[in-house]
Amino acid sequence: MEQANMITGITNEDIRTQLRNDFFANSLLGNYEVTIEQEGREVTLRTGSSQGGSFEGGYEFTNISAPITVRDNFRLAIYPQDFLAEIVKFFGAEDMITGYKEFDDSVMVKTNDALRCHTIFADAESRLVFQTLSGYSLEIKHEDDHSLLELDIQAAITNPEELVNIYHAFFLVLKAIG
């Protein structure tokens, strides 16, 4: 089994430089995986794509995930405000208001703690990333014995600068959750 690449850094600029260089050196045809260790947290970042074959459709994805400790069963899910989200809202799904107008107009938020959610998205830079990103979901997933913060994007992000910016926004949310 192939060992995943590891990046370790203290500052965001450390991570930015290493991730950019590692991505250029190791992303083959859009497939890439790295574990990033920053501020005592371990984040896994993966991208992948396949053109498919004769009758198969292709696929693309970017996934960023990190284990988290959630002491109070906190729930959070956000995804872009699109046609499907409007249909879901029409049938009764609740869309929390965070208090950040542009963010609230661009994303659908599901949480059991609106005040905590407001604090988590206090950083304007991370809000902007999620406001402009499409085809994604960011959520806390509770498994039997652990929880994950996971960002799933329905595209292979192959631009290193965009990938770094998305990672940074994810990391800010991860830190804010605790």
Protein backbone atom coordinates (compact mmCIF):
# COMPACT_ATOMS: atom_id res chain seq x y z
CA MET A 1 0.00 0.00 0.00
CA GLU A 2 1.28 3.42 -0.93
CA GLN A 3 2.13 5.82 1.89
CA ALA A 4 0.25 9.12 1.81
CA ASN A 5 2.31 12.28 1.60
CA MET A 6 2.66 14.25 4.83
CA ILE A 7 2.94 18.01 5.18
CA THR A 8 3.69 19.63 8.52
CA GLY A 9 3.68 23.34 9.16
CA ILE A 10 3.16 25.95 11.80
CA THR A 11 1.97 28.94 9.80
CA ASN A 12 -0.54 29.15 6.98
CA GLU A 13 2.28 30.28 4.68
CA ASP A 14 4.29 27.11 5.59
CA ILE A 15 1.30 24.97 4.59
CA ARG A 16 0.58 27.06 1.48
CA THR A 17 4.14 26.69 0.14
CA GLN A 18 4.47 22.99 0.94
CA LEU A 19 1.01 22.10 -0.39
CA ARG A 20 1.60 23.98 -3.63
CA ASN A 21 4.98 22.28 -4.17
CA ASP A 22 3.74 18.83 -3.15
CA PHE A 23 0.70 19.10 -5.40
CA PHE A 24 2.83 20.00 -8.44
CA ALA A 25 5.21 17.12 -7.70
CA ASN A 26 2.66 14.42 -6.87
CA SER A 27 -0.68 15.04 -8.55
CA LEU A 28 -0.92 12.61 -11.41
CA LEU A 29 -3.90 13.16 -13.73
CA GLY A 30 -5.79 14.94 -10.98
CA ASN A 31 -5.37 12.20 -8.35
CA TYR A 32 -3.72 13.42 -5.17
CA GLU A 33 -3.74 12.64 -1.46
CA VAL A 34 -1.91 14.30 1.40
CA THR A 35 -2.15 14.46 5.18
CA ILE A 36 -1.55 17.91 6.60
CA GLU A 37 -0.50 18.36 10.21
CA GLN A 38 -1.05 21.87 11.50
CA GLU A 39 -1.52 23.17 15.05
CA GLY A 40 -1.91 19.65 16.44
CA ARG A 41 -4.65 18.72 13.96
CA GLU A 42 -4.43 16.17 11.17
CA VAL A 43 -6.33 16.93 7.97
CA THR A 44 -6.62 14.58 4.98
CA LEU A 45 -6.99 16.17 1.55
CA ARG A 46 -7.82 14.10 -1.54
CA THR A 47 -8.65 14.90 -5.13
CA GLY A 48 -9.50 12.46 -7.87
CA SER A 49 -10.98 12.18 -11.31
CA SER A 50 -11.66 9.61 -13.97
CA GLN A 51 -12.96 10.14 -17.48
CA GLY A 52 -14.81 6.83 -17.35
CA GLY A 53 -15.07 4.38 -20.22
CA SER A 54 -17.43 3.48 -23.00
CA PHE A 55 -20.70 3.30 -21.02
CA GLU A 56 -19.35 4.66 -17.76
CA GLY A 57 -19.64 8.24 -16.73
CA GLY A 58 -16.60 9.89 -15.27
CA TYR A 59 -16.28 11.37 -11.84
CA GLU A 60 -14.44 14.14 -10.08
CA PHE A 61 -14.10 14.89 -6.39
CA THR A 62 -12.19 16.80 -3.77
CA ASN A 63 -12.51 15.71 -0.16
CA ILE A 64 -11.04 17.35 2.94
CA SER A 65 -11.67 15.74 6.32
CA ALA A 66 -10.44 15.86 9.90
CA PRO A 67 -11.40 14.09 13.10
CA ILE A 68 -13.04 16.35 15.67
CA THR A 69 -14.19 16.02 19.24
CA VAL A 70 -17.79 17.13 19.68
CA ARG A 71 -18.77 17.11 23.34
CA ASP A 72 -22.33 18.33 23.03
CA ASN A 73 -23.70 16.59 19.93
CA PHE A 74 -23.27 19.78 17.89
CA ARG A 75 -24.59 19.42 14.36
CA LEU A 76 -23.61 21.49 11.33
CA ALA A 77 -24.13 21.15 7.59
CA ILE A 78 -23.81 23.80 4.90
CA TYR A 79 -24.18 23.61 1.16
CA PRO A 80 -24.75 26.08 -1.67
CA GLN A 81 -28.08 27.78 -2.07
CA ASP A 82 -29.19 26.35 -5.42
CA PHE A 83 -32.34 25.11 -7.11
CA LEU A 84 -32.32 21.84 -5.15
CA ALA A 85 -31.87 23.71 -1.86
CA GLU A 86 -34.86 25.88 -2.72
CA ILE A 87 -36.99 22.78 -3.31
CA VAL A 88 -35.85 21.30 0.01
CA LYS A 89 -36.73 24.56 1.79
CA PHE A 90 -40.13 24.59 0.07
CA PHE A 91 -40.87 21.21 1.65
CA GLY A 92 -39.99 22.45 5.12
CA ALA A 93 -36.24 22.14 5.60
CA GLU A 94 -34.96 24.82 7.95
CA ASP A 95 -32.26 27.23 6.80
CA MET A 96 -30.55 28.87 9.79
CA ILE A 97 -29.63 32.51 9.58
CA THR A 98 -26.04 33.16 10.69
CA GLY A 99 -26.30 36.94 10.62
CA TYR A 100 -23.87 37.37 7.70
CA LYS A 101 -26.18 38.52 4.89
CA GLU A 102 -24.07 37.58 1.83
CA PHE A 103 -23.24 34.22 3.41
CA ASP A 104 -26.89 33.54 4.32
CA ASP A 105 -27.97 34.44 0.78
CA SER A 106 -25.41 32.03 -0.73
CA VAL A 107 -25.53 28.93 1.48
CA MET A 108 -28.06 26.76 3.25
CA VAL A 109 -27.16 26.16 6.91
CA LYS A 110 -28.49 23.36 9.08
CA THR A 111 -27.40 23.38 12.72
CA ASN A 112 -28.69 22.83 16.22
CA ASP A 113 -26.79 25.87 17.59
CA ALA A 114 -27.19 29.10 15.60
CA LEU A 115 -25.03 31.19 17.95
CA ARG A 116 -22.12 28.75 17.71
CA CYS A 117 -22.54 28.66 13.94
CA HIS A 118 -22.33 32.48 13.85
CA THR A 119 -19.03 32.26 15.76
CA ILE A 120 -17.64 29.50 13.52
CA PHE A 121 -18.16 31.59 10.40
CA ALA A 122 -16.94 34.87 11.90
CA ASP A 123 -13.96 34.95 9.54
CA ALA A 124 -14.97 36.83 6.37
CA GLU A 125 -12.28 35.10 4.29
CA SER A 126 -13.59 31.61 5.03
CA ARG A 127 -17.19 32.72 4.47
CA LEU A 128 -16.23 34.07 1.05
CA VAL A 129 -14.74 30.71 0.02
CA PHE A 130 -17.95 28.86 0.89
CA GLN A 131 -20.14 31.59 -0.64
CA THR A 132 -18.44 31.22 -4.02
CA LEU A 133 -17.82 27.46 -4.06
CA SER A 134 -20.40 25.30 -5.84
CA GLY A 135 -21.35 21.63 -5.71
CA TYR A 136 -20.22 20.92 -2.15
CA SER A 137 -21.32 19.98 1.33
CA LEU A 138 -19.50 20.79 4.56
CA GLU A 139 -20.75 18.87 7.55
CA ILE A 140 -19.98 17.24 10.83
CA LYS A 141 -20.48 13.51 10.45
CA HIS A 142 -21.08 11.54 13.63
CA GLU A 143 -19.96 7.92 13.45
CA ASP A 144 -20.26 5.29 16.18
CA ASP A 145 -17.04 6.12 17.99
CA HIS A 146 -15.85 9.37 16.40
CA SER A 147 -16.86 12.50 14.52
CA LEU A 148 -15.43 14.09 11.38
CA LEU A 149 -15.62 17.49 9.81
CA GLU A 150 -15.85 16.72 6.11
CA LEU A 151 -15.95 18.85 2.98
CA ASP A 152 -17.05 17.03 -0.17
CA ILE A 153 -16.77 18.89 -3.47
CA GLN A 154 -18.16 17.44 -6.70
CA ALA A 155 -15.13 18.56 -8.70
CA ALA A 156 -11.43 17.77 -8.73
CA ILE A 157 -9.80 21.02 -7.66
CA THR A 158 -6.57 20.99 -9.68
CA ASN A 159 -5.58 24.64 -9.30
CA PRO A 160 -3.11 24.64 -6.38
CA GLU A 161 -3.98 28.20 -5.30
CA GLU A 162 -7.69 27.41 -5.20
CA LEU A 163 -6.99 24.16 -3.35
CA VAL A 164 -4.88 26.00 -0.76
CA ASN A 165 -7.59 28.64 -0.25
CA ILE A 166 -10.25 25.97 0.23
CA TYR A 167 -8.00 24.08 2.67
CA HIS A 168 -7.40 27.30 4.62
CA ALA A 169 -11.14 28.04 4.88
CA PHE A 170 -11.76 24.44 6.01
CA PHE A 171 -9.00 24.74 8.61
CA LEU A 172 -10.45 27.98 10.00
CA VAL A 173 -13.83 26.26 10.44
CA LEU A 174 -12.11 23.25 12.03
CA LYS A 175 -10.31 25.49 14.54
CA ALA A 176 -13.47 27.42 15.33
CA ILE A 177 -15.38 24.21 16.08
CA GLY A 178 -12.72 23.38 18.66
